[in-house]
């Protein structure tokens, strides 16, 4: 493997690891918000049925349920996790192509760049920050 191919492969593999870790973190955050919302709702119902729990405590626990659900909805951890896992998978394909097929460094770089442009466009759409689309950013990823 040439020095340029090794450098590109190293850069792609670092991106795969970082992106996958971000996906896992977002997935855990989504799961945590769900668990907090369910547990807080359950606890608030129990506290409301119990006469010896102060009303302010019941209200606070009930508010946690809504807060957790709201953070989950606004932040869209699930969508961010899916985006990260999709990017990680796409980059892994390019890395395997570099390792096990005869694609050139230039072709690997082109695929890497295409993934970055496509994923930026997808992320902008996901977060509601649509940017002007140019011919360069409207690429379709080809492997």
N, C-alpha and C. Protein backbone atom coordinates (compact mmCIF):
# COMPACT_ATOMS: atom_id res chain seq x y z
N UNK A 1 0.86 -1.18 0.00
CA UNK A 1 0.00 0.00 0.00
C UNK A 1 0.90 1.24 0.00
N UNK A 2 0.54 2.21 -0.82
CA UNK A 2 1.36 3.41 -0.92
C UNK A 2 1.18 4.28 0.31
N UNK A 3 2.13 5.21 0.47
CA UNK A 3 2.10 6.12 1.62
C UNK A 3 0.85 6.99 1.59
N UNK A 4 0.46 7.45 0.41
CA UNK A 4 -0.75 8.27 0.28
C UNK A 4 -2.01 7.49 0.64
N UNK A 5 -2.05 6.23 0.22
CA UNK A 5 -3.19 5.37 0.54
C UNK A 5 -3.27 5.12 2.04
N UNK A 6 -2.13 4.89 2.66
CA UNK A 6 -2.10 4.65 4.11
C UNK A 6 -2.56 5.89 4.88
N UNK A 7 -2.11 7.05 4.44
CA UNK A 7 -2.54 8.30 5.10
C UNK A 7 -4.05 8.51 4.98
N UNK A 8 -4.55 8.32 3.76
CA UNK A 8 -5.99 8.49 3.55
C UNK A 8 -6.77 7.46 4.35
N UNK A 9 -6.31 6.23 4.35
CA UNK A 9 -6.98 5.17 5.11
C UNK A 9 -6.99 5.51 6.60
N UNK A 10 -5.87 6.01 7.12
CA UNK A 10 -5.79 6.41 8.51
C UNK A 10 -6.76 7.53 8.85
N UNK A 11 -6.87 8.50 7.96
CA UNK A 11 -7.80 9.62 8.16
C UNK A 11 -9.25 9.12 8.15
N UNK A 12 -9.56 8.26 7.21
CA UNK A 12 -10.93 7.73 7.12
C UNK A 12 -11.25 6.89 8.34
N UNK A 13 -10.32 6.03 8.76
CA UNK A 13 -10.57 5.19 9.93
C UNK A 13 -10.76 6.02 11.19
N UNK A 14 -10.02 7.12 11.33
CA UNK A 14 -10.21 8.01 12.48
C UNK A 14 -11.60 8.63 12.45
N UNK A 15 -12.06 9.01 11.26
CA UNK A 15 -13.41 9.57 11.11
C UNK A 15 -14.48 8.52 11.42
N UNK A 16 -14.25 7.28 10.99
CA UNK A 16 -15.20 6.20 11.26
C UNK A 16 -15.35 6.03 12.77
N UNK A 17 -14.23 5.96 13.47
CA UNK A 17 -14.26 5.76 14.92
C UNK A 17 -14.95 6.92 15.64
N UNK A 18 -14.60 8.15 15.26
CA UNK A 18 -15.19 9.32 15.91
C UNK A 18 -16.69 9.42 15.63
N UNK A 19 -17.07 9.17 14.39
CA UNK A 19 -18.48 9.26 14.01
C UNK A 19 -19.30 8.17 14.68
N UNK A 20 -18.73 6.97 14.75
CA UNK A 20 -19.44 5.88 15.41
C UNK A 20 -19.61 6.18 16.91
N UNK A 21 -18.57 6.73 17.53
CA UNK A 21 -18.66 7.09 18.95
C UNK A 21 -19.73 8.15 19.18
N UNK A 22 -19.82 9.12 18.27
CA UNK A 22 -20.86 10.15 18.39
C UNK A 22 -22.25 9.53 18.24
N UNK A 23 -22.37 8.58 17.33
CA UNK A 23 -23.65 7.89 17.16
C UNK A 23 -24.05 7.13 18.41
N UNK A 24 -23.08 6.46 18.99
CA UNK A 24 -23.36 5.70 20.22
C UNK A 24 -23.76 6.66 21.35
N UNK A 25 -23.07 7.78 21.48
CA UNK A 25 -23.41 8.77 22.51
C UNK A 25 -24.83 9.30 22.32
N UNK A 26 -25.19 9.64 21.08
CA UNK A 26 -26.54 10.12 20.80
C UNK A 26 -27.58 9.04 21.06
N UNK A 27 -27.24 7.80 20.75
CA UNK A 27 -28.16 6.70 21.01
C UNK A 27 -28.39 6.53 22.51
N UNK A 28 -27.32 6.61 23.28
CA UNK A 28 -27.45 6.52 24.74
C UNK A 28 -28.24 7.70 25.31
N UNK A 29 -28.02 8.88 24.75
CA UNK A 29 -28.76 10.06 25.21
C UNK A 29 -30.25 9.91 24.93
N UNK A 30 -30.59 9.38 23.75
CA UNK A 30 -31.99 9.15 23.40
C UNK A 30 -32.62 8.15 24.35
N UNK A 31 -31.92 7.06 24.59
CA UNK A 31 -32.42 6.04 25.51
C UNK A 31 -32.57 6.60 26.93
N UNK A 32 -31.60 7.39 27.37
CA UNK A 32 -31.67 7.99 28.70
C UNK A 32 -32.87 8.92 28.85
N UNK A 33 -33.12 9.72 27.82
CA UNK A 33 -34.29 10.61 27.87
C UNK A 33 -35.58 9.81 27.96
N UNK A 34 -35.66 8.72 27.23
CA UNK A 34 -36.85 7.87 27.28
C UNK A 34 -37.04 7.27 28.67
N UNK A 35 -35.97 6.75 29.23
CA UNK A 35 -36.04 6.13 30.56
C UNK A 35 -36.43 7.17 31.60
N UNK A 36 -35.83 8.36 31.56
CA UNK A 36 -36.17 9.41 32.53
C UNK A 36 -37.63 9.82 32.39
N UNK A 37 -38.10 9.99 31.17
CA UNK A 37 -39.49 10.40 30.95
C UNK A 37 -40.46 9.36 31.50
N UNK A 38 -40.20 8.10 31.23
CA UNK A 38 -41.09 7.03 31.70
C UNK A 38 -41.03 6.91 33.22
N UNK A 39 -39.81 6.90 33.77
CA UNK A 39 -39.66 6.74 35.21
C UNK A 39 -40.26 7.93 35.97
N UNK A 40 -40.03 9.14 35.47
CA UNK A 40 -40.57 10.32 36.15
C UNK A 40 -42.09 10.34 36.09
N UNK A 41 -42.66 9.93 34.96
CA UNK A 41 -44.11 9.87 34.83
C UNK A 41 -44.69 8.85 35.81
N UNK A 42 -44.06 7.70 35.89
CA UNK A 42 -44.50 6.65 36.80
C UNK A 42 -44.41 7.13 38.26
N UNK A 43 -43.27 7.74 38.60
CA UNK A 43 -43.09 8.23 39.98
C UNK A 43 -44.10 9.32 40.33
N UNK A 44 -44.36 10.23 39.38
CA UNK A 44 -45.32 11.30 39.63
C UNK A 44 -46.71 10.72 39.89
N UNK A 45 -47.09 9.69 39.15
CA UNK A 45 -48.39 9.05 39.37
C UNK A 45 -48.46 8.41 40.75
N UNK A 46 -47.39 7.73 41.14
CA UNK A 46 -47.34 7.12 42.48
C UNK A 46 -47.40 8.19 43.56
N UNK A 47 -46.62 9.25 43.38
CA UNK A 47 -46.60 10.33 44.37
C UNK A 47 -47.96 11.02 44.48
N UNK A 48 -48.64 11.17 43.35
CA UNK A 48 -49.96 11.81 43.37
C UNK A 48 -50.96 10.96 44.14
N UNK A 49 -50.81 9.66 44.07
CA UNK A 49 -51.73 8.77 44.77
C UNK A 49 -51.40 8.64 46.26
N UNK A 50 -50.20 9.04 46.63
CA UNK A 50 -49.76 8.94 48.03
C UNK A 50 -50.05 10.27 48.73
N UNK A 51 -50.64 10.21 49.87
CA UNK A 51 -51.03 11.42 50.58
C UNK A 51 -49.87 12.11 51.29
N UNK A 52 -48.81 11.40 51.63
CA UNK A 52 -47.77 12.01 52.44
C UNK A 52 -46.55 12.49 51.64
N UNK A 53 -46.70 12.78 50.35
CA UNK A 53 -45.64 13.36 49.54
C UNK A 53 -46.04 14.81 49.23
N UNK A 54 -45.15 15.77 49.50
CA UNK A 54 -45.48 17.17 49.23
C UNK A 54 -45.83 17.41 47.76
N UNK A 55 -46.77 18.29 47.54
CA UNK A 55 -47.23 18.60 46.18
C UNK A 55 -46.13 19.14 45.29
N UNK A 56 -45.24 19.94 45.87
CA UNK A 56 -44.16 20.51 45.07
C UNK A 56 -43.22 19.42 44.54
N UNK A 57 -43.03 18.36 45.31
CA UNK A 57 -42.18 17.27 44.87
C UNK A 57 -42.84 16.49 43.73
N UNK A 58 -44.14 16.25 43.88
CA UNK A 58 -44.89 15.56 42.82
C UNK A 58 -44.84 16.38 41.53
N UNK A 59 -45.04 17.69 41.65
CA UNK A 59 -45.01 18.56 40.47
C UNK A 59 -43.62 18.59 39.83
N UNK A 60 -42.59 18.60 40.64
CA UNK A 60 -41.22 18.61 40.12
C UNK A 60 -40.91 17.33 39.35
N UNK A 61 -41.30 16.20 39.92
CA UNK A 61 -41.08 14.92 39.24
C UNK A 61 -41.88 14.85 37.94
N UNK A 62 -43.11 15.33 37.98
CA UNK A 62 -43.94 15.34 36.77
C UNK A 62 -43.32 16.24 35.70
N UNK A 63 -42.73 17.36 36.12
CA UNK A 63 -42.10 18.27 35.16
C UNK A 63 -40.88 17.63 34.51
N UNK A 64 -40.17 16.80 35.25
CA UNK A 64 -39.00 16.11 34.68
C UNK A 64 -39.39 15.24 33.48
N UNK A 65 -40.54 14.62 33.58
CA UNK A 65 -41.02 13.78 32.48
C UNK A 65 -41.19 14.62 31.22
N UNK A 66 -41.85 15.74 31.34
CA UNK A 66 -42.07 16.61 30.18
C UNK A 66 -40.78 17.24 29.68
N UNK A 67 -39.91 17.61 30.62
CA UNK A 67 -38.63 18.20 30.23
C UNK A 67 -37.79 17.20 29.44
N UNK A 68 -37.72 15.99 29.93
CA UNK A 68 -36.95 14.96 29.25
C UNK A 68 -37.50 14.67 27.86
N UNK A 69 -38.80 14.55 27.76
CA UNK A 69 -39.43 14.30 26.45
C UNK A 69 -39.21 15.48 25.51
N UNK A 70 -39.27 16.70 26.04
CA UNK A 70 -39.04 17.89 25.23
C UNK A 70 -37.62 17.98 24.71
N UNK A 71 -36.66 17.71 25.57
CA UNK A 71 -35.25 17.72 25.16
C UNK A 71 -35.02 16.67 24.08
N UNK A 72 -35.61 15.52 24.28
CA UNK A 72 -35.46 14.43 23.31
C UNK A 72 -36.04 14.83 21.95
N UNK A 73 -37.19 15.46 21.96
CA UNK A 73 -37.86 15.85 20.71
C UNK A 73 -37.10 16.97 20.00
N UNK A 74 -36.66 17.98 20.76
CA UNK A 74 -35.99 19.13 20.16
C UNK A 74 -34.60 18.75 19.65
N UNK A 75 -33.88 17.98 20.42
CA UNK A 75 -32.51 17.63 20.07
C UNK A 75 -32.43 16.54 19.02
N UNK A 76 -33.42 15.69 18.95
CA UNK A 76 -33.49 14.58 18.00
C UNK A 76 -32.25 13.70 18.07
N UNK A 77 -32.00 13.19 19.28
CA UNK A 77 -30.86 12.29 19.47
C UNK A 77 -30.94 11.08 18.55
N UNK A 78 -32.13 10.55 18.35
CA UNK A 78 -32.29 9.36 17.50
C UNK A 78 -31.87 9.66 16.06
N UNK A 79 -32.31 10.81 15.55
CA UNK A 79 -31.93 11.20 14.19
C UNK A 79 -30.44 11.45 14.06
N UNK A 80 -29.86 12.07 15.08
CA UNK A 80 -28.42 12.31 15.06
C UNK A 80 -27.64 11.00 15.12
N UNK A 81 -28.13 10.06 15.92
CA UNK A 81 -27.47 8.75 16.00
C UNK A 81 -27.54 8.04 14.64
N UNK A 82 -28.71 8.06 14.02
CA UNK A 82 -28.87 7.42 12.72
C UNK A 82 -27.94 8.07 11.68
N UNK A 83 -27.84 9.40 11.72
CA UNK A 83 -26.95 10.12 10.81
C UNK A 83 -25.50 9.67 11.03
N UNK A 84 -25.09 9.61 12.28
CA UNK A 84 -23.71 9.23 12.60
C UNK A 84 -23.42 7.80 12.17
N UNK A 85 -24.34 6.88 12.45
CA UNK A 85 -24.12 5.49 12.06
C UNK A 85 -24.10 5.35 10.54
N UNK A 86 -24.94 6.10 9.85
CA UNK A 86 -24.94 6.08 8.38
C UNK A 86 -23.64 6.60 7.81
N UNK A 87 -23.12 7.68 8.37
CA UNK A 87 -21.83 8.23 7.91
C UNK A 87 -20.71 7.25 8.19
N UNK A 88 -20.72 6.67 9.37
CA UNK A 88 -19.69 5.70 9.74
C UNK A 88 -19.69 4.51 8.77
N UNK A 89 -20.86 4.03 8.44
CA UNK A 89 -20.97 2.90 7.50
C UNK A 89 -20.46 3.29 6.11
N UNK A 90 -20.86 4.45 5.64
CA UNK A 90 -20.41 4.90 4.32
C UNK A 90 -18.89 5.04 4.26
N UNK A 91 -18.31 5.59 5.31
CA UNK A 91 -16.86 5.75 5.35
C UNK A 91 -16.15 4.40 5.48
N UNK A 92 -16.76 3.46 6.18
CA UNK A 92 -16.17 2.12 6.30
C UNK A 92 -16.09 1.43 4.94
N UNK A 93 -17.09 1.67 4.11
CA UNK A 93 -17.09 1.10 2.76
C UNK A 93 -15.92 1.65 1.96
N UNK A 94 -15.69 2.96 2.06
CA UNK A 94 -14.55 3.56 1.35
C UNK A 94 -13.23 2.98 1.88
N UNK A 95 -13.14 2.82 3.20
CA UNK A 95 -11.91 2.27 3.79
C UNK A 95 -11.65 0.84 3.27
N UNK A 96 -12.70 0.04 3.22
CA UNK A 96 -12.54 -1.33 2.71
C UNK A 96 -12.17 -1.32 1.22
N UNK A 97 -12.76 -0.40 0.47
CA UNK A 97 -12.38 -0.28 -0.94
C UNK A 97 -10.90 0.06 -1.09
N UNK A 98 -10.41 0.96 -0.25
CA UNK A 98 -8.99 1.31 -0.30
C UNK A 98 -8.10 0.13 0.07
N UNK A 99 -8.54 -0.65 1.05
CA UNK A 99 -7.74 -1.78 1.52
C UNK A 99 -7.74 -2.96 0.56
N UNK A 100 -8.91 -3.30 0.04
CA UNK A 100 -9.06 -4.59 -0.62
C UNK A 100 -9.36 -4.53 -2.12
N UNK A 101 -9.49 -3.35 -2.67
CA UNK A 101 -9.67 -3.26 -4.12
C UNK A 101 -8.56 -2.39 -4.68
N UNK A 102 -8.56 -2.21 -5.94
CA UNK A 102 -7.49 -1.45 -6.58
C UNK A 102 -7.87 0.00 -6.85
N UNK A 103 -8.74 0.58 -6.03
CA UNK A 103 -9.06 1.98 -6.28
C UNK A 103 -7.84 2.85 -5.94
N UNK A 104 -7.74 3.95 -6.63
CA UNK A 104 -6.60 4.85 -6.43
C UNK A 104 -6.86 5.76 -5.23
N UNK A 105 -5.81 6.43 -4.79
CA UNK A 105 -5.95 7.42 -3.72
C UNK A 105 -6.90 8.52 -4.17
N UNK A 106 -6.80 8.89 -5.42
CA UNK A 106 -7.67 9.95 -5.95
C UNK A 106 -9.14 9.54 -5.90
N UNK A 107 -9.42 8.28 -6.27
CA UNK A 107 -10.80 7.79 -6.23
C UNK A 107 -11.28 7.68 -4.78
N UNK A 108 -10.43 7.21 -3.89
CA UNK A 108 -10.79 7.15 -2.47
C UNK A 108 -11.07 8.53 -1.90
N UNK A 109 -10.25 9.49 -2.29
CA UNK A 109 -10.45 10.87 -1.84
C UNK A 109 -11.76 11.43 -2.39
N UNK A 110 -12.05 11.12 -3.66
CA UNK A 110 -13.30 11.60 -4.26
C UNK A 110 -14.50 11.02 -3.51
N UNK A 111 -14.45 9.73 -3.18
CA UNK A 111 -15.55 9.10 -2.44
C UNK A 111 -15.69 9.71 -1.05
N UNK A 112 -14.57 9.92 -0.39
CA UNK A 112 -14.57 10.53 0.95
C UNK A 112 -15.20 11.92 0.89
N UNK A 113 -14.80 12.72 -0.08
CA UNK A 113 -15.36 14.07 -0.24
C UNK A 113 -16.85 14.03 -0.56
N UNK A 114 -17.25 13.10 -1.40
CA UNK A 114 -18.66 12.98 -1.76
C UNK A 114 -19.51 12.65 -0.53
N UNK A 115 -18.98 11.76 0.31
CA UNK A 115 -19.70 11.41 1.54
C UNK A 115 -19.82 12.63 2.44
N UNK A 116 -18.73 13.37 2.60
CA UNK A 116 -18.78 14.58 3.43
C UNK A 116 -19.83 15.56 2.93
N UNK A 117 -19.86 15.79 1.62
CA UNK A 117 -20.83 16.74 1.07
C UNK A 117 -22.26 16.25 1.24
N UNK A 118 -22.48 14.98 0.97
CA UNK A 118 -23.83 14.41 1.09
C UNK A 118 -24.30 14.41 2.54
N UNK A 119 -23.40 14.06 3.44
CA UNK A 119 -23.78 14.00 4.85
C UNK A 119 -23.99 15.39 5.43
N UNK A 120 -23.25 16.38 4.96
CA UNK A 120 -23.48 17.76 5.39
C UNK A 120 -24.87 18.23 4.95
N UNK A 121 -25.21 17.88 3.73
CA UNK A 121 -26.54 18.24 3.22
C UNK A 121 -27.62 17.55 4.03
N UNK A 122 -27.44 16.28 4.34
CA UNK A 122 -28.41 15.53 5.13
C UNK A 122 -28.52 16.11 6.55
N UNK A 123 -27.39 16.48 7.13
CA UNK A 123 -27.40 17.03 8.49
C UNK A 123 -28.11 18.39 8.51
N UNK A 124 -27.83 19.21 7.50
CA UNK A 124 -28.51 20.51 7.42
C UNK A 124 -30.01 20.34 7.30
N UNK A 125 -30.45 19.37 6.52
CA UNK A 125 -31.88 19.09 6.38
C UNK A 125 -32.47 18.60 7.70
N UNK A 126 -31.72 17.74 8.39
CA UNK A 126 -32.19 17.15 9.64
C UNK A 126 -32.35 18.21 10.73
N UNK A 127 -31.43 19.16 10.76
CA UNK A 127 -31.47 20.17 11.83
C UNK A 127 -32.27 21.41 11.45
N UNK A 128 -32.83 21.42 10.26
CA UNK A 128 -33.64 22.56 9.85
C UNK A 128 -32.82 23.74 9.36
N UNK A 129 -31.54 23.54 9.15
CA UNK A 129 -30.68 24.62 8.68
C UNK A 129 -30.34 24.41 7.22
N UNK A 130 -31.37 24.41 6.41
CA UNK A 130 -31.16 24.22 4.98
C UNK A 130 -30.25 25.33 4.45
N UNK A 131 -29.32 24.95 3.66
CA UNK A 131 -28.43 25.91 3.01
C UNK A 131 -28.73 25.90 1.53
N UNK A 132 -28.26 26.92 0.88
CA UNK A 132 -28.44 26.93 -0.58
C UNK A 132 -27.75 25.72 -1.16
N UNK A 133 -28.46 25.03 -2.00
CA UNK A 133 -27.87 23.84 -2.61
C UNK A 133 -27.25 24.22 -3.95
N UNK A 134 -26.03 23.86 -4.08
CA UNK A 134 -25.34 24.09 -5.34
C UNK A 134 -25.16 22.75 -6.04
N UNK A 135 -24.73 22.82 -7.25
CA UNK A 135 -24.49 21.58 -8.00
C UNK A 135 -23.46 20.72 -7.28
N UNK A 136 -22.48 21.34 -6.65
CA UNK A 136 -21.43 20.57 -5.96
C UNK A 136 -21.96 19.83 -4.74
N UNK A 137 -22.96 20.41 -4.05
CA UNK A 137 -23.45 19.75 -2.83
C UNK A 137 -24.60 18.78 -3.11
N UNK A 138 -25.03 18.69 -4.35
CA UNK A 138 -26.14 17.80 -4.69
C UNK A 138 -25.63 16.48 -5.27
N UNK A 139 -24.47 16.05 -4.82
CA UNK A 139 -23.87 14.82 -5.33
C UNK A 139 -24.56 13.59 -4.79
N UNK A 140 -24.53 12.56 -5.55
CA UNK A 140 -25.00 11.25 -5.11
C UNK A 140 -23.76 10.41 -4.86
N UNK A 141 -23.73 9.74 -3.73
CA UNK A 141 -22.56 8.93 -3.39
C UNK A 141 -22.53 7.69 -4.27
N UNK A 142 -21.39 7.44 -4.89
CA UNK A 142 -21.19 6.25 -5.71
C UNK A 142 -19.98 5.52 -5.16
N UNK A 143 -20.11 4.21 -5.04
CA UNK A 143 -19.00 3.41 -4.50
C UNK A 143 -18.35 2.61 -5.59
